[in-house]
Amino acid sequence: MNVNHDVNDVKESHLVKQAQNGDEDAFSLLVERYATRLYGVCFHLLGNREDAEDCVQESFIKIYRSLTGYRFRSSFYTWAYRISVNVCLDYRRKNNRGKTVSLDEGPETSSGQLFYQVADELPLPDQLLERSELTELVREELSLLPAYLRDIVILRDLEGLSYAELAGLLKISEGTVKSRLFRGRKQLMERIRYREQNRSGGRQTDREITTEGSEGEK
């Protein structure tokens, strides 16, 4: 294969087929095309540059080994993205420094679990990021959310996964996805609101913010 092509000029499907046939140059072009995007996903989930770099490398190793299993039912990036997210989640489980208690399980009924749905008119994280002056603040506060809430907010609001995709990826019900998403957005906005208020006077600790954000969930 001629590697002098511009990476964006070569059709994705052609590159994948060549890579599946053992063409290492084609796979290198796929890595070049998607490495930055997958690094962004890993960094969002892990919040650490070195960990993100390690997981991107591990992701491409798994992608390469799994190439023959790719059936073109979704875009190659979507398929690679799922592998990368799973690598990050597995990495975090293995390096977990403490267990989190799930607060999103609804009461059991005869037909299953009942989840309370609340009208959500809060601005989404991606909308906040469009306001450049809030970009760093949003990123900082997002990184301080509990991991199980942060993942949902990132994967839904910043990465655009559907409820069904999230449920399958995280092995939880769609009801749990919606419950966590609502609480994650709510806690994020409360943290941002407190930070903005503190700029003009008065201080509140992270412990106080987390406690207040959780009171309505008990």
N, C-alpha and C. Protein backbone atom coordinates (compact mmCIF):
# COMPACT_ATOMS: atom_id res chain seq x y z
N MET A 1 0.84 -1.20 0.00
CA MET A 1 0.00 0.00 0.00
C MET A 1 0.87 1.24 0.00
N ASN A 2 0.50 2.24 -0.75
CA ASN A 2 1.24 3.49 -0.82
C ASN A 2 0.89 4.36 0.38
N VAL A 3 1.85 4.62 1.28
CA VAL A 3 1.58 5.38 2.49
C VAL A 3 1.71 6.87 2.27
N ASN A 4 1.93 7.31 1.03
CA ASN A 4 2.07 8.73 0.75
C ASN A 4 0.73 9.44 0.67
N HIS A 5 -0.37 8.71 0.71
CA HIS A 5 -1.70 9.33 0.71
C HIS A 5 -1.85 10.19 1.95
N ASP A 6 -2.57 11.31 1.81
CA ASP A 6 -2.99 12.06 2.99
C ASP A 6 -3.94 11.19 3.79
N VAL A 7 -3.76 11.22 5.11
CA VAL A 7 -4.55 10.33 5.97
C VAL A 7 -6.04 10.53 5.81
N ASN A 8 -6.49 11.74 5.50
CA ASN A 8 -7.92 12.02 5.39
C ASN A 8 -8.48 11.72 4.00
N ASP A 9 -7.61 11.41 3.04
CA ASP A 9 -8.06 11.18 1.67
C ASP A 9 -8.41 9.72 1.42
N VAL A 10 -7.99 8.85 2.29
CA VAL A 10 -8.22 7.42 2.10
C VAL A 10 -9.50 7.01 2.80
N LYS A 11 -10.38 6.30 2.11
CA LYS A 11 -11.64 5.87 2.70
C LYS A 11 -11.39 4.95 3.88
N GLU A 12 -12.17 5.18 4.93
CA GLU A 12 -12.02 4.39 6.15
C GLU A 12 -12.19 2.89 5.86
N SER A 13 -13.24 2.54 5.12
CA SER A 13 -13.52 1.13 4.86
C SER A 13 -12.36 0.46 4.12
N HIS A 14 -11.75 1.20 3.20
CA HIS A 14 -10.61 0.65 2.46
C HIS A 14 -9.44 0.39 3.40
N LEU A 15 -9.16 1.35 4.27
CA LEU A 15 -8.06 1.19 5.23
C LEU A 15 -8.30 -0.02 6.13
N VAL A 16 -9.54 -0.14 6.62
CA VAL A 16 -9.85 -1.24 7.54
C VAL A 16 -9.69 -2.58 6.84
N LYS A 17 -10.20 -2.70 5.62
CA LYS A 17 -10.07 -3.96 4.89
C LYS A 17 -8.61 -4.31 4.65
N GLN A 18 -7.81 -3.29 4.29
CA GLN A 18 -6.38 -3.54 4.08
C GLN A 18 -5.73 -3.99 5.39
N ALA A 19 -6.09 -3.33 6.50
CA ALA A 19 -5.52 -3.69 7.80
C ALA A 19 -5.93 -5.10 8.20
N GLN A 20 -7.18 -5.47 7.90
CA GLN A 20 -7.65 -6.81 8.22
C GLN A 20 -6.89 -7.88 7.43
N ASN A 21 -6.37 -7.46 6.26
CA ASN A 21 -5.59 -8.38 5.42
C ASN A 21 -4.11 -8.37 5.79
N GLY A 22 -3.78 -7.68 6.89
CA GLY A 22 -2.39 -7.71 7.37
C GLY A 22 -1.54 -6.54 6.95
N ASP A 23 -2.12 -5.52 6.34
CA ASP A 23 -1.36 -4.35 5.89
C ASP A 23 -1.08 -3.44 7.09
N GLU A 24 0.16 -3.45 7.57
CA GLU A 24 0.51 -2.65 8.74
C GLU A 24 0.51 -1.16 8.43
N ASP A 25 0.80 -0.78 7.19
CA ASP A 25 0.76 0.63 6.82
C ASP A 25 -0.67 1.17 6.93
N ALA A 26 -1.63 0.35 6.52
CA ALA A 26 -3.04 0.77 6.60
C ALA A 26 -3.44 0.96 8.06
N PHE A 27 -3.01 0.04 8.92
CA PHE A 27 -3.34 0.18 10.34
C PHE A 27 -2.68 1.42 10.93
N SER A 28 -1.46 1.71 10.50
CA SER A 28 -0.77 2.92 10.98
C SER A 28 -1.54 4.18 10.62
N LEU A 29 -2.15 4.17 9.43
CA LEU A 29 -2.97 5.32 9.03
C LEU A 29 -4.22 5.44 9.89
N LEU A 30 -4.79 4.31 10.26
CA LEU A 30 -5.96 4.33 11.15
C LEU A 30 -5.57 4.88 12.53
N VAL A 31 -4.40 4.46 12.99
CA VAL A 31 -3.90 4.99 14.27
C VAL A 31 -3.71 6.50 14.17
N GLU A 32 -3.09 6.93 13.09
CA GLU A 32 -2.84 8.37 12.90
C GLU A 32 -4.15 9.15 12.83
N ARG A 33 -5.15 8.54 12.21
CA ARG A 33 -6.43 9.23 12.03
C ARG A 33 -7.19 9.39 13.34
N TYR A 34 -7.12 8.38 14.22
CA TYR A 34 -8.01 8.37 15.38
C TYR A 34 -7.30 8.48 16.74
N ALA A 35 -6.00 8.50 16.77
CA ALA A 35 -5.28 8.52 18.05
C ALA A 35 -5.64 9.73 18.90
N THR A 36 -5.71 10.90 18.28
CA THR A 36 -6.00 12.11 19.05
C THR A 36 -7.39 12.07 19.66
N ARG A 37 -8.38 11.60 18.88
CA ARG A 37 -9.75 11.53 19.38
C ARG A 37 -9.87 10.52 20.52
N LEU A 38 -9.22 9.38 20.36
CA LEU A 38 -9.30 8.37 21.42
C LEU A 38 -8.53 8.81 22.66
N TYR A 39 -7.45 9.56 22.46
CA TYR A 39 -6.74 10.10 23.61
C TYR A 39 -7.65 11.05 24.39
N GLY A 40 -8.43 11.87 23.68
CA GLY A 40 -9.36 12.78 24.34
C GLY A 40 -10.38 12.04 25.18
N VAL A 41 -10.89 10.93 24.65
CA VAL A 41 -11.85 10.10 25.40
C VAL A 41 -11.19 9.55 26.66
N CYS A 42 -9.99 9.01 26.51
CA CYS A 42 -9.29 8.42 27.67
C CYS A 42 -8.95 9.48 28.71
N PHE A 43 -8.54 10.64 28.25
CA PHE A 43 -8.19 11.70 29.20
C PHE A 43 -9.42 12.17 29.96
N HIS A 44 -10.57 12.29 29.27
CA HIS A 44 -11.81 12.67 29.94
C HIS A 44 -12.15 11.68 31.05
N LEU A 45 -11.98 10.39 30.75
CA LEU A 45 -12.38 9.35 31.70
C LEU A 45 -11.39 9.17 32.84
N LEU A 46 -10.11 9.42 32.56
CA LEU A 46 -9.08 9.13 33.56
C LEU A 46 -8.52 10.38 34.23
N GLY A 47 -8.57 11.52 33.53
CA GLY A 47 -8.11 12.77 34.11
C GLY A 47 -6.61 12.86 34.34
N ASN A 48 -5.85 11.99 33.68
CA ASN A 48 -4.41 11.95 33.88
C ASN A 48 -3.74 11.66 32.54
N ARG A 49 -2.78 12.50 32.18
CA ARG A 49 -2.15 12.38 30.86
C ARG A 49 -1.45 11.04 30.66
N GLU A 50 -0.65 10.63 31.65
CA GLU A 50 0.10 9.38 31.50
C GLU A 50 -0.82 8.17 31.44
N ASP A 51 -1.85 8.16 32.29
CA ASP A 51 -2.81 7.05 32.25
C ASP A 51 -3.53 7.01 30.91
N ALA A 52 -3.91 8.19 30.41
CA ALA A 52 -4.61 8.26 29.12
C ALA A 52 -3.72 7.73 28.00
N GLU A 53 -2.45 8.11 28.01
CA GLU A 53 -1.53 7.64 26.97
C GLU A 53 -1.37 6.12 27.03
N ASP A 54 -1.26 5.59 28.26
CA ASP A 54 -1.13 4.13 28.41
C ASP A 54 -2.37 3.41 27.88
N CYS A 55 -3.55 3.98 28.17
CA CYS A 55 -4.79 3.33 27.75
C CYS A 55 -5.02 3.44 26.25
N VAL A 56 -4.58 4.54 25.65
CA VAL A 56 -4.68 4.65 24.18
C VAL A 56 -3.80 3.59 23.53
N GLN A 57 -2.60 3.41 24.05
CA GLN A 57 -1.70 2.39 23.51
C GLN A 57 -2.32 1.00 23.66
N GLU A 58 -2.85 0.72 24.86
CA GLU A 58 -3.49 -0.57 25.09
C GLU A 58 -4.72 -0.75 24.20
N SER A 59 -5.44 0.34 23.96
CA SER A 59 -6.62 0.29 23.09
C SER A 59 -6.25 -0.14 21.69
N PHE A 60 -5.19 0.46 21.14
CA PHE A 60 -4.80 0.13 19.77
C PHE A 60 -4.25 -1.29 19.67
N ILE A 61 -3.64 -1.78 20.73
CA ILE A 61 -3.21 -3.18 20.73
C ILE A 61 -4.43 -4.09 20.64
N LYS A 62 -5.46 -3.79 21.44
CA LYS A 62 -6.68 -4.60 21.41
C LYS A 62 -7.41 -4.44 20.09
N ILE A 63 -7.44 -3.23 19.55
CA ILE A 63 -8.09 -2.99 18.26
C ILE A 63 -7.40 -3.82 17.18
N TYR A 64 -6.07 -3.82 17.18
CA TYR A 64 -5.31 -4.57 16.17
C TYR A 64 -5.61 -6.07 16.28
N ARG A 65 -5.62 -6.57 17.51
CA ARG A 65 -5.86 -8.00 17.72
C ARG A 65 -7.29 -8.41 17.40
N SER A 66 -8.21 -7.44 17.44
CA SER A 66 -9.63 -7.75 17.23
C SER A 66 -10.12 -7.38 15.83
N LEU A 67 -9.22 -6.94 14.97
CA LEU A 67 -9.62 -6.42 13.65
C LEU A 67 -10.48 -7.39 12.86
N THR A 68 -10.16 -8.66 12.92
CA THR A 68 -10.92 -9.62 12.11
C THR A 68 -12.36 -9.75 12.59
N GLY A 69 -12.63 -9.30 13.82
CA GLY A 69 -13.99 -9.37 14.35
C GLY A 69 -14.84 -8.16 14.01
N TYR A 70 -14.23 -7.15 13.37
CA TYR A 70 -15.00 -5.97 12.99
C TYR A 70 -15.81 -6.27 11.73
N ARG A 71 -17.14 -6.07 11.79
CA ARG A 71 -18.04 -6.48 10.71
C ARG A 71 -18.67 -5.31 9.95
N PHE A 72 -18.18 -4.08 10.14
CA PHE A 72 -18.67 -2.91 9.41
C PHE A 72 -20.14 -2.59 9.71
N ARG A 73 -20.64 -3.00 10.88
CA ARG A 73 -22.03 -2.69 11.24
C ARG A 73 -22.16 -1.29 11.82
N SER A 74 -21.06 -0.73 12.25
CA SER A 74 -21.00 0.66 12.71
C SER A 74 -19.72 1.24 12.12
N SER A 75 -19.51 2.54 12.30
CA SER A 75 -18.26 3.12 11.81
C SER A 75 -17.10 2.51 12.57
N PHE A 76 -15.94 2.51 11.96
CA PHE A 76 -14.76 1.94 12.62
C PHE A 76 -14.46 2.72 13.90
N TYR A 77 -14.64 4.04 13.85
CA TYR A 77 -14.36 4.84 15.04
C TYR A 77 -15.28 4.45 16.20
N THR A 78 -16.57 4.25 15.91
CA THR A 78 -17.51 3.86 16.96
C THR A 78 -17.08 2.55 17.60
N TRP A 79 -16.68 1.60 16.77
CA TRP A 79 -16.22 0.30 17.26
C TRP A 79 -14.95 0.46 18.10
N ALA A 80 -13.99 1.25 17.58
CA ALA A 80 -12.73 1.47 18.30
C ALA A 80 -12.97 2.25 19.59
N TYR A 81 -13.92 3.17 19.53
CA TYR A 81 -14.27 3.99 20.69
C TYR A 81 -14.75 3.11 21.84
N ARG A 82 -15.61 2.14 21.54
CA ARG A 82 -16.13 1.25 22.58
C ARG A 82 -15.02 0.44 23.21
N ILE A 83 -14.09 -0.02 22.39
CA ILE A 83 -12.95 -0.76 22.93
C ILE A 83 -12.15 0.14 23.86
N SER A 84 -11.92 1.37 23.45
CA SER A 84 -11.13 2.31 24.23
C SER A 84 -11.80 2.64 25.56
N VAL A 85 -13.11 2.86 25.54
CA VAL A 85 -13.83 3.14 26.79
C VAL A 85 -13.72 1.96 27.74
N ASN A 86 -13.88 0.75 27.22
CA ASN A 86 -13.78 -0.45 28.07
C ASN A 86 -12.38 -0.60 28.65
N VAL A 87 -11.36 -0.26 27.87
CA VAL A 87 -9.99 -0.31 28.37
C VAL A 87 -9.83 0.66 29.54
N CYS A 88 -10.37 1.87 29.39
CA CYS A 88 -10.28 2.87 30.46
C CYS A 88 -11.02 2.43 31.72
N LEU A 89 -12.23 1.90 31.54
CA LEU A 89 -13.01 1.46 32.69
C LEU A 89 -12.33 0.29 33.40
N ASP A 90 -11.78 -0.64 32.62
CA ASP A 90 -11.06 -1.77 33.22
C ASP A 90 -9.82 -1.28 33.97
N TYR A 91 -9.13 -0.32 33.37
CA TYR A 91 -7.93 0.24 34.00
C TYR A 91 -8.27 0.87 35.35
N ARG A 92 -9.38 1.60 35.36
CA ARG A 92 -9.76 2.28 36.59
C ARG A 92 -10.22 1.30 37.67
N ARG A 93 -10.90 0.23 37.25
CA ARG A 93 -11.31 -0.80 38.22
C ARG A 93 -10.07 -1.45 38.86
N LYS A 94 -9.08 -1.74 38.05
CA LYS A 94 -7.87 -2.40 38.56
C LYS A 94 -7.07 -1.47 39.47
N ASN A 95 -7.21 -0.17 39.26
CA ASN A 95 -6.45 0.79 40.04
C ASN A 95 -7.34 1.58 40.99
N ASN A 96 -8.49 1.00 41.30
CA ASN A 96 -9.46 1.69 42.16
C ASN A 96 -8.88 1.92 43.55
N ARG A 97 -9.01 3.18 44.02
CA ARG A 97 -8.49 3.51 45.35
C ARG A 97 -9.58 3.50 46.41
N GLY A 98 -10.77 3.19 46.03
CA GLY A 98 -11.85 3.16 47.00
C GLY A 98 -13.15 2.82 46.31
N LYS A 99 -14.06 2.21 47.02
CA LYS A 99 -15.33 1.81 46.43
C LYS A 99 -16.37 2.92 46.57
N THR A 100 -17.21 3.02 45.56
CA THR A 100 -18.29 4.02 45.62
C THR A 100 -19.61 3.33 45.89
N VAL A 101 -20.43 3.95 46.70
CA VAL A 101 -21.75 3.40 46.99
C VAL A 101 -22.73 3.94 45.97
N SER A 102 -23.46 3.06 45.31
CA SER A 102 -24.43 3.50 44.31
C SER A 102 -25.68 4.03 44.99
N LEU A 103 -26.09 5.22 44.57
CA LEU A 103 -27.28 5.84 45.15
C LEU A 103 -28.44 5.90 44.15
N ASP A 104 -28.26 5.22 43.01
CA ASP A 104 -29.26 5.40 41.97
C ASP A 104 -30.19 4.22 41.79
N GLU A 105 -30.18 3.26 42.69
CA GLU A 105 -31.09 2.14 42.55
C GLU A 105 -32.47 2.54 43.06
N GLY A 106 -33.48 2.39 42.22
CA GLY A 106 -34.83 2.75 42.60
C GLY A 106 -35.48 1.65 43.41
N PRO A 107 -36.60 1.93 44.06
CA PRO A 107 -37.29 0.91 44.85
C PRO A 107 -37.83 -0.20 43.96
N GLU A 108 -37.82 -1.43 44.47
CA GLU A 108 -38.31 -2.58 43.72
C GLU A 108 -39.84 -2.58 43.69
N THR A 109 -40.41 -2.90 42.53
CA THR A 109 -41.85 -3.08 42.39
C THR A 109 -42.07 -4.44 41.74
N SER A 110 -43.32 -4.84 41.58
CA SER A 110 -43.61 -6.15 40.98
C SER A 110 -43.15 -6.23 39.54
N SER A 111 -43.03 -5.06 38.89
CA SER A 111 -42.60 -5.06 37.49
C SER A 111 -41.15 -4.60 37.34
N GLY A 112 -40.42 -4.56 38.42
CA GLY A 112 -39.02 -4.16 38.33
C GLY A 112 -38.75 -2.92 39.17
N GLN A 113 -37.64 -2.24 38.87
CA GLN A 113 -37.28 -1.07 39.66
C GLN A 113 -38.00 0.18 39.15
N LEU A 114 -38.34 1.06 40.08
CA LEU A 114 -39.01 2.30 39.76
C LEU A 114 -38.01 3.43 39.86
N PHE A 115 -37.90 4.23 38.80
CA PHE A 115 -36.96 5.35 38.79
C PHE A 115 -37.74 6.64 38.65
N TYR A 116 -37.40 7.60 39.51
CA TYR A 116 -38.08 8.88 39.50
C TYR A 116 -37.44 9.77 38.44
N GLN A 117 -38.24 10.26 37.52
CA GLN A 117 -37.76 11.13 36.47
C GLN A 117 -38.14 12.57 36.79
N VAL A 118 -37.14 13.45 36.78
CA VAL A 118 -37.37 14.85 37.10
C VAL A 118 -37.07 15.68 35.87
N ALA A 119 -37.91 16.69 35.61
CA ALA A 119 -37.67 17.57 34.46
C ALA A 119 -36.30 18.20 34.62
N ASP A 120 -35.48 18.11 33.57
CA ASP A 120 -34.10 18.58 33.64
C ASP A 120 -33.90 19.71 32.65
N GLU A 121 -33.82 20.92 33.15
CA GLU A 121 -33.61 22.07 32.27
C GLU A 121 -32.25 22.70 32.50
N LEU A 122 -31.34 21.96 33.15
CA LEU A 122 -30.01 22.48 33.39
C LEU A 122 -29.23 22.52 32.08
N PRO A 123 -28.34 23.49 31.89
CA PRO A 123 -27.50 23.50 30.69
C PRO A 123 -26.60 22.28 30.69
N LEU A 124 -26.33 21.73 29.52
CA LEU A 124 -25.49 20.55 29.42
C LEU A 124 -24.02 20.96 29.46
N PRO A 125 -23.13 20.03 29.87
CA PRO A 125 -21.71 20.36 29.92
C PRO A 125 -21.14 20.84 28.59
N ASP A 126 -21.59 20.26 27.46
CA ASP A 126 -21.06 20.72 26.18
C ASP A 126 -21.51 22.14 25.87
N GLN A 127 -22.70 22.53 26.35
CA GLN A 127 -23.15 23.90 26.15
C GLN A 127 -22.31 24.86 27.00
N LEU A 128 -21.95 24.43 28.21
CA LEU A 128 -21.12 25.28 29.06
C LEU A 128 -19.72 25.44 28.46
N LEU A 129 -19.20 24.38 27.85
CA LEU A 129 -17.87 24.44 27.29
C LEU A 129 -17.78 25.41 26.12
N GLU A 130 -18.93 25.72 25.49
CA GLU A 130 -18.94 26.69 24.40
C GLU A 130 -18.64 28.09 24.91
N ARG A 131 -18.83 28.32 26.21
CA ARG A 131 -18.48 29.60 26.82
C ARG A 131 -17.06 29.48 27.32
N SER A 132 -16.12 30.05 26.57
CA SER A 132 -14.70 29.80 26.81
C SER A 132 -14.26 30.13 28.23
N GLU A 133 -14.89 31.14 28.84
CA GLU A 133 -14.46 31.52 30.18
C GLU A 133 -14.80 30.46 31.22
N LEU A 134 -15.72 29.53 30.86
CA LEU A 134 -16.10 28.47 31.80
C LEU A 134 -15.41 27.15 31.53
N THR A 135 -14.67 27.08 30.41
CA THR A 135 -14.11 25.80 29.98
C THR A 135 -13.27 25.15 31.07
N GLU A 136 -12.30 25.88 31.63
CA GLU A 136 -11.42 25.30 32.63
C GLU A 136 -12.19 24.95 33.90
N LEU A 137 -13.12 25.81 34.28
CA LEU A 137 -13.92 25.56 35.47
C LEU A 137 -14.74 24.28 35.34
N VAL A 138 -15.38 24.11 34.18
CA VAL A 138 -16.18 22.90 33.94
C VAL A 138 -15.31 21.66 34.01
N ARG A 139 -14.16 21.72 33.38
CA ARG A 139 -13.27 20.56 33.39
C ARG A 139 -12.81 20.21 34.80
N GLU A 140 -12.47 21.24 35.58
CA GLU A 140 -12.02 21.00 36.94
C GLU A 140 -13.13 20.36 37.78
N GLU A 141 -14.33 20.93 37.71
CA GLU A 141 -15.42 20.44 38.54
C GLU A 141 -15.91 19.07 38.07
N LEU A 142 -15.87 18.85 36.77
CA LEU A 142 -16.26 17.54 36.23
C LEU A 142 -15.33 16.46 36.76
N SER A 143 -14.04 16.77 36.86
CA SER A 143 -13.07 15.79 37.34
C SER A 143 -13.27 15.44 38.81
N LEU A 144 -14.00 16.29 39.55
CA LEU A 144 -14.22 16.06 40.98
C LEU A 144 -15.50 15.29 41.29
N LEU A 145 -16.32 15.05 40.27
CA LEU A 145 -17.53 14.25 40.49
C LEU A 145 -17.15 12.80 40.79
N PRO A 146 -17.99 12.07 41.52
CA PRO A 146 -17.75 10.64 41.70
C PRO A 146 -17.64 9.96 40.33
N ALA A 147 -16.75 9.00 40.21
CA ALA A 147 -16.45 8.39 38.91
C ALA A 147 -17.70 7.88 38.20
N TYR A 148 -18.62 7.24 38.95
CA TYR A 148 -19.79 6.63 38.31
C TYR A 148 -20.75 7.68 37.76
N LEU A 149 -20.71 8.91 38.28
CA LEU A 149 -21.51 10.00 37.72
C LEU A 149 -20.74 10.70 36.60
N ARG A 150 -19.45 10.89 36.81
CA ARG A 150 -18.62 11.57 35.81
C ARG A 150 -18.64 10.81 34.48
N ASP A 151 -18.54 9.48 34.54
CA ASP A 151 -18.54 8.69 33.31
C ASP A 151 -19.79 8.94 32.49
N ILE A 152 -20.95 8.93 33.15
CA ILE A 152 -22.21 9.11 32.45
C ILE A 152 -22.28 10.47 31.79
N VAL A 153 -21.90 11.52 32.52
CA VAL A 153 -21.96 12.89 31.99
C VAL A 153 -21.03 13.02 30.79
N ILE A 154 -19.81 12.50 30.91
CA ILE A 154 -18.84 12.59 29.82
C ILE A 154 -19.32 11.83 28.59
N LEU A 155 -19.73 10.58 28.80
CA LEU A 155 -20.08 9.73 27.66
C LEU A 155 -21.38 10.16 26.99
N ARG A 156 -22.31 10.71 27.76
CA ARG A 156 -23.58 11.16 27.19
C ARG A 156 -23.48 12.58 26.61
N ASP A 157 -23.01 13.52 27.42
CA ASP A 157 -23.08 14.93 27.04
C ASP A 157 -21.89 15.40 26.21
N LEU A 158 -20.72 14.81 26.41
CA LEU A 158 -19.54 15.24 25.66
C LEU A 158 -19.22 14.30 24.50
N GLU A 159 -19.53 13.02 24.67
CA GLU A 159 -19.22 12.05 23.62
C GLU A 159 -20.44 11.64 22.80
N GLY A 160 -21.65 11.95 23.30
CA GLY A 160 -22.85 11.76 22.50
C GLY A 160 -23.42 10.36 22.43
N LEU A 161 -23.07 9.48 23.37
CA LEU A 161 -23.63 8.13 23.35
C LEU A 161 -25.11 8.16 23.73
N SER A 162 -25.88 7.23 23.16
CA SER A 162 -27.30 7.12 23.48
C SER A 162 -27.46 6.41 24.82
N TYR A 163 -28.68 6.48 25.38
CA TYR A 163 -28.97 5.77 26.63
C TYR A 163 -28.74 4.27 26.47
N ALA A 164 -29.18 3.74 25.34
CA ALA A 164 -29.02 2.30 25.10
C ALA A 164 -27.54 1.92 25.01
N GLU A 165 -26.74 2.75 24.32
CA GLU A 165 -25.31 2.47 24.20
C GLU A 165 -24.63 2.51 25.57
N LEU A 166 -25.02 3.50 26.38
CA LEU A 166 -24.45 3.62 27.71
C LEU A 166 -24.81 2.42 28.59
N ALA A 167 -26.07 2.01 28.50
CA ALA A 167 -26.52 0.87 29.29
C ALA A 167 -25.72 -0.39 28.93
N GLY A 168 -25.53 -0.61 27.65
CA GLY A 168 -24.77 -1.77 27.20
C GLY A 168 -23.30 -1.69 27.59
N LEU A 169 -22.73 -0.51 27.44
CA LEU A 169 -21.31 -0.32 27.72
C LEU A 169 -21.00 -0.47 29.20
N LEU A 170 -21.85 0.11 30.04
CA LEU A 170 -21.60 0.12 31.48
C LEU A 170 -22.29 -1.04 32.21
N LYS A 171 -23.07 -1.83 31.46
CA LYS A 171 -23.77 -3.00 32.02
C LYS A 171 -24.72 -2.60 33.15
N ILE A 172 -25.51 -1.57 32.88
CA ILE A 172 -26.54 -1.11 33.81
C ILE A 172 -27.81 -0.87 33.00
N SER A 173 -28.94 -0.67 33.69
CA SER A 173 -30.20 -0.44 32.98
C SER A 173 -30.27 0.99 32.45
N GLU A 174 -31.15 1.22 31.47
CA GLU A 174 -31.33 2.59 30.97
C GLU A 174 -31.89 3.50 32.05
N GLY A 175 -32.70 2.93 32.94
CA GLY A 175 -33.21 3.73 34.05
C GLY A 175 -32.09 4.23 34.94
N THR A 176 -31.10 3.37 35.19
CA THR A 176 -29.96 3.76 36.00
C THR A 176 -29.13 4.81 35.28
N VAL A 177 -28.98 4.65 33.96
CA VAL A 177 -28.27 5.66 33.17
C VAL A 177 -28.91 7.03 33.35
N LYS A 178 -30.24 7.09 33.20
CA LYS A 178 -30.95 8.37 33.30
C LYS A 178 -30.85 8.96 34.70
N SER A 179 -30.94 8.08 35.69
CA SER A 179 -30.85 8.54 37.08
C SER A 179 -29.47 9.13 37.37
N ARG A 180 -28.42 8.44 36.95
CA ARG A 180 -27.07 8.93 37.18
C ARG A 180 -26.81 10.21 36.38
N LEU A 181 -27.32 10.26 35.16
CA LEU A 181 -27.11 11.44 34.33
C LEU A 181 -27.73 12.67 34.98
N PHE A 182 -28.95 12.53 35.48
CA PHE A 182 -29.61 13.66 36.12
C PHE A 182 -28.80 14.14 37.32
N ARG A 183 -28.38 13.18 38.17
CA ARG A 183 -27.64 13.58 39.37
C ARG A 183 -26.27 14.14 39.04
N GLY A 184 -25.63 13.57 38.01
CA GLY A 184 -24.32 14.07 37.62
C GLY A 184 -24.40 15.50 37.12
N ARG A 185 -25.37 15.77 36.25
CA ARG A 185 -25.56 17.15 35.76
C ARG A 185 -25.87 18.10 36.92
N LYS A 186 -26.74 17.66 37.83
CA LYS A 186 -27.15 18.50 38.94
C LYS A 186 -25.96 18.84 39.84
N GLN A 187 -25.18 17.83 40.20
CA GLN A 187 -24.03 18.08 41.07
C GLN A 187 -23.00 18.96 40.38
N LEU A 188 -22.80 18.73 39.07
CA LEU A 188 -21.85 19.55 38.33
C LEU A 188 -22.26 21.02 38.35
N MET A 189 -23.54 21.29 38.09
CA MET A 189 -24.01 22.66 38.07
C MET A 189 -23.94 23.29 39.45
N GLU A 190 -24.21 22.52 40.50
CA GLU A 190 -24.11 23.06 41.85
C GLU A 190 -22.68 23.44 42.18
N ARG A 191 -21.75 22.60 41.78
CA ARG A 191 -20.34 22.89 42.04
C ARG A 191 -19.90 24.14 41.29
N ILE A 192 -20.32 24.26 40.03
CA ILE A 192 -19.95 25.43 39.23
C ILE A 192 -20.56 26.69 39.83
N ARG A 193 -21.82 26.58 40.26
CA ARG A 193 -22.51 27.73 40.85
C ARG A 193 -21.79 28.21 42.11
N TYR A 194 -21.39 27.27 42.96
CA TYR A 194 -20.67 27.62 44.19
C TYR A 194 -19.33 28.28 43.87
N ARG A 195 -18.63 27.73 42.88
CA ARG A 195 -17.34 28.31 42.52
C ARG A 195 -17.49 29.74 42.04
N GLU A 196 -18.52 29.98 41.22
CA GLU A 196 -18.74 31.33 40.70
C GLU A 196 -19.13 32.29 41.82
N GLN A 197 -19.91 31.80 42.79
CA GLN A 197 -20.29 32.64 43.93
C GLN A 197 -19.09 32.95 44.79
N ASN A 198 -18.19 32.00 44.94
CA ASN A 198 -17.01 32.20 45.78
C ASN A 198 -16.06 33.25 45.23
N ARG A 199 -16.14 33.49 43.93
CA ARG A 199 -15.28 34.52 43.34
C ARG A 199 -15.59 35.90 43.89
N SER A 200 -16.87 36.08 44.26
CA SER A 200 -17.28 37.40 44.75
C SER A 200 -17.40 37.43 46.26
N GLY A 201 -16.89 36.39 46.94
CA GLY A 201 -16.90 36.39 48.40
C GLY A 201 -17.58 35.18 48.96
N GLY A 202 -17.11 34.75 50.13
CA GLY A 202 -17.69 33.57 50.77
C GLY A 202 -17.07 32.32 50.20
N ARG A 203 -16.73 31.36 51.04
CA ARG A 203 -16.11 30.13 50.58
C ARG A 203 -16.85 28.92 51.10
N GLN A 204 -16.85 27.89 50.32
CA GLN A 204 -17.51 26.65 50.72
C GLN A 204 -16.64 25.49 50.31
N THR A 205 -16.47 24.53 51.17
CA THR A 205 -15.54 23.43 50.89
C THR A 205 -16.17 22.40 49.98
N ASP A 206 -15.29 21.57 49.38
CA ASP A 206 -15.78 20.48 48.53
C ASP A 206 -16.67 19.54 49.33
N ARG A 207 -16.33 19.30 50.62
CA ARG A 207 -17.14 18.41 51.45
C ARG A 207 -18.55 18.96 51.59
N GLU A 208 -18.67 20.29 51.79
CA GLU A 208 -19.99 20.89 51.96
C GLU A 208 -20.79 20.79 50.67
N ILE A 209 -20.12 21.01 49.53
CA ILE A 209 -20.80 20.95 48.24
C ILE A 209 -21.30 19.54 47.98
N THR A 210 -20.42 18.54 48.20
CA THR A 210 -20.80 17.15 47.97
C THR A 210 -21.95 16.74 48.87
N THR A 211 -21.89 17.17 50.14
CA THR A 211 -22.95 16.81 51.09
C THR A 211 -24.28 17.41 50.68
N GLU A 212 -24.26 18.69 50.30
CA GLU A 212 -25.50 19.33 49.91
C GLU A 212 -26.05 18.72 48.63
N GLY A 213 -25.12 18.36 47.69
CA GLY A 213 -25.57 17.78 46.43
C GLY A 213 -26.15 16.41 46.60
N SER A 214 -25.87 15.75 47.74
CA SER A 214 -26.32 14.38 47.94
C SER A 214 -27.53 14.28 48.86
N GLU A 215 -27.88 15.37 49.54
CA GLU A 215 -28.95 15.30 50.54
C GLU A 215 -30.26 14.82 49.98
N GLY A 216 -30.57 15.28 48.75
CA GLY A 216 -31.85 14.92 48.17
C GLY A 216 -31.89 13.50 47.65
N GLU A 217 -30.73 12.77 47.71
CA GLU A 217 -30.70 11.43 47.14
C GLU A 217 -30.89 10.36 48.19
N LYS A 218 -30.83 10.73 49.47
CA LYS A 218 -30.91 9.71 50.51
C LYS A 218 -32.32 9.20 50.69
